[in-house]
């Protein structure tokens, strides 16, 4: 996940790295919200679920990218199962979720 966080920072994005639900909430409120939450493959199921549910309840527009398929089905989560989080392809997949695609109407 460090390579992914570094890649996002190098792309000009602000990145918070957290390890428990308290840190997740603190970072979310400190920044005034987030546009995107990335959940790594090694995060325990209960924490993955709590992160998605807690932040989704606070901000229903927040996007969530989950590496792996451990998080229960949710409409708000985009699963990235084909890439290792440290790969350039994973960075591209995350960036596509948050940055507008040139020429799109979004």
Protein backbone atom coordinates (compact mmCIF):
# COMPACT_ATOMS: atom_id res chain seq x y z
CA UNK A 1 0.00 0.00 0.00
CA UNK A 2 2.98 2.32 0.49
CA UNK A 3 3.70 2.36 -3.24
CA UNK A 4 0.07 3.20 -3.97
CA UNK A 5 0.03 6.00 -1.38
CA UNK A 6 3.28 7.39 -2.82
CA UNK A 7 1.89 7.21 -6.35
CA UNK A 8 -1.25 9.07 -5.31
CA UNK A 9 0.84 11.75 -3.58
CA UNK A 10 3.04 12.06 -6.67
CA UNK A 11 -0.16 12.60 -8.67
CA UNK A 12 -0.94 15.64 -6.51
CA UNK A 13 -3.47 14.07 -4.17
CA UNK A 14 -3.59 14.35 -0.40
CA UNK A 15 -3.30 10.93 1.23
CA UNK A 16 -4.07 9.83 4.80
CA UNK A 17 -2.83 6.40 5.87
CA UNK A 18 -4.71 4.95 8.83
CA UNK A 19 -4.66 1.67 10.72
CA UNK A 20 -7.78 1.63 12.89
CA UNK A 21 -11.30 3.05 12.90
CA UNK A 22 -10.42 5.91 15.24
CA UNK A 23 -7.64 7.05 12.90
CA UNK A 24 -10.01 6.70 9.94
CA UNK A 25 -12.64 8.95 11.55
CA UNK A 26 -10.04 11.45 12.83
CA UNK A 27 -8.46 11.81 9.38
CA UNK A 28 -11.86 12.13 7.71
CA UNK A 29 -12.98 14.96 10.00
CA UNK A 30 -9.56 16.66 10.08
CA UNK A 31 -9.65 17.01 6.28
CA UNK A 32 -13.33 17.88 6.17
CA UNK A 33 -14.13 14.66 4.33
CA UNK A 34 -12.54 12.64 1.57
CA UNK A 35 -13.36 12.11 -2.07
CA UNK A 36 -12.12 8.53 -2.06
CA UNK A 37 -11.41 5.82 0.50
CA UNK A 38 -9.00 3.01 -0.47
CA UNK A 39 -9.26 -0.19 1.56
CA UNK A 40 -6.26 -2.50 1.32
CA UNK A 41 -6.39 -6.27 1.00
CA UNK A 42 -4.79 -6.94 4.39
CA UNK A 43 -7.30 -4.95 6.42
CA UNK A 44 -9.37 -7.23 8.68
CA UNK A 45 -12.93 -7.82 7.48
CA UNK A 46 -14.51 -6.13 10.50
CA UNK A 47 -12.43 -2.98 10.04
CA UNK A 48 -13.09 -2.92 6.29
CA UNK A 49 -16.82 -3.15 6.92
CA UNK A 50 -16.77 -0.59 9.75
CA UNK A 51 -14.77 1.86 7.62
CA UNK A 52 -17.15 1.60 4.67
CA UNK A 53 -20.28 1.77 6.84
CA UNK A 54 -19.08 4.60 9.09
CA UNK A 55 -17.78 6.90 6.38
CA UNK A 56 -20.63 6.02 4.05
CA UNK A 57 -23.12 7.02 6.74
CA UNK A 58 -21.33 10.34 7.25
CA UNK A 59 -20.94 11.10 3.54
CA UNK A 60 -23.02 9.11 1.09
CA UNK A 61 -21.07 10.58 -1.85
CA UNK A 62 -17.70 9.20 -0.76
CA UNK A 63 -16.26 6.69 -3.23
CA UNK A 64 -14.68 3.50 -1.93
CA UNK A 65 -12.10 1.35 -3.71
CA UNK A 66 -11.48 -2.09 -2.21
CA UNK A 67 -8.51 -4.25 -3.13
CA UNK A 68 -9.71 -7.83 -3.06
CA UNK A 69 -13.22 -9.08 -2.48
CA UNK A 70 -13.40 -9.24 1.30
CA UNK A 71 -15.81 -6.34 1.83
CA UNK A 72 -19.47 -7.35 1.66
CA UNK A 73 -21.38 -6.22 -1.40
CA UNK A 74 -22.15 -2.55 -1.37
CA UNK A 75 -23.23 -0.24 -4.14
CA UNK A 76 -20.65 2.35 -3.13
CA UNK A 77 -17.55 0.13 -3.40
CA UNK A 78 -15.53 -0.51 -6.53
CA UNK A 79 -13.58 -3.76 -6.25
CA UNK A 80 -10.09 -4.03 -7.69
CA UNK A 81 -9.28 -7.72 -7.70
CA UNK A 82 -6.95 -8.03 -10.68
CA UNK A 83 -4.10 -5.82 -9.47
CA UNK A 84 -1.67 -5.83 -6.57
CA UNK A 85 -2.05 -2.51 -4.69
CA UNK A 86 1.62 -1.70 -5.30
CA UNK A 87 1.40 -2.02 -9.07
CA UNK A 88 1.19 0.83 -11.58
CA UNK A 89 -2.03 -0.71 -12.86
CA UNK A 90 -3.56 -0.39 -9.39
CA UNK A 91 -2.54 3.26 -9.25
CA UNK A 92 -4.24 3.80 -12.60
CA UNK A 93 -7.39 2.04 -11.40
CA UNK A 94 -7.59 4.26 -8.30
CA UNK A 95 -6.86 7.44 -10.25
CA UNK A 96 -9.66 6.59 -12.70
CA UNK A 97 -12.07 6.55 -9.76
CA UNK A 98 -11.17 10.02 -8.57
CA UNK A 99 -9.87 12.08 -11.48
CA UNK A 100 -12.04 13.16 -14.38
CA UNK A 101 -11.28 11.47 -17.67
CA UNK A 102 -10.13 14.02 -20.28
CA UNK A 103 -12.91 14.69 -22.76
CA UNK A 104 -15.67 13.31 -20.49
CA UNK A 105 -18.70 15.38 -19.61
CA UNK A 106 -18.48 14.65 -15.88
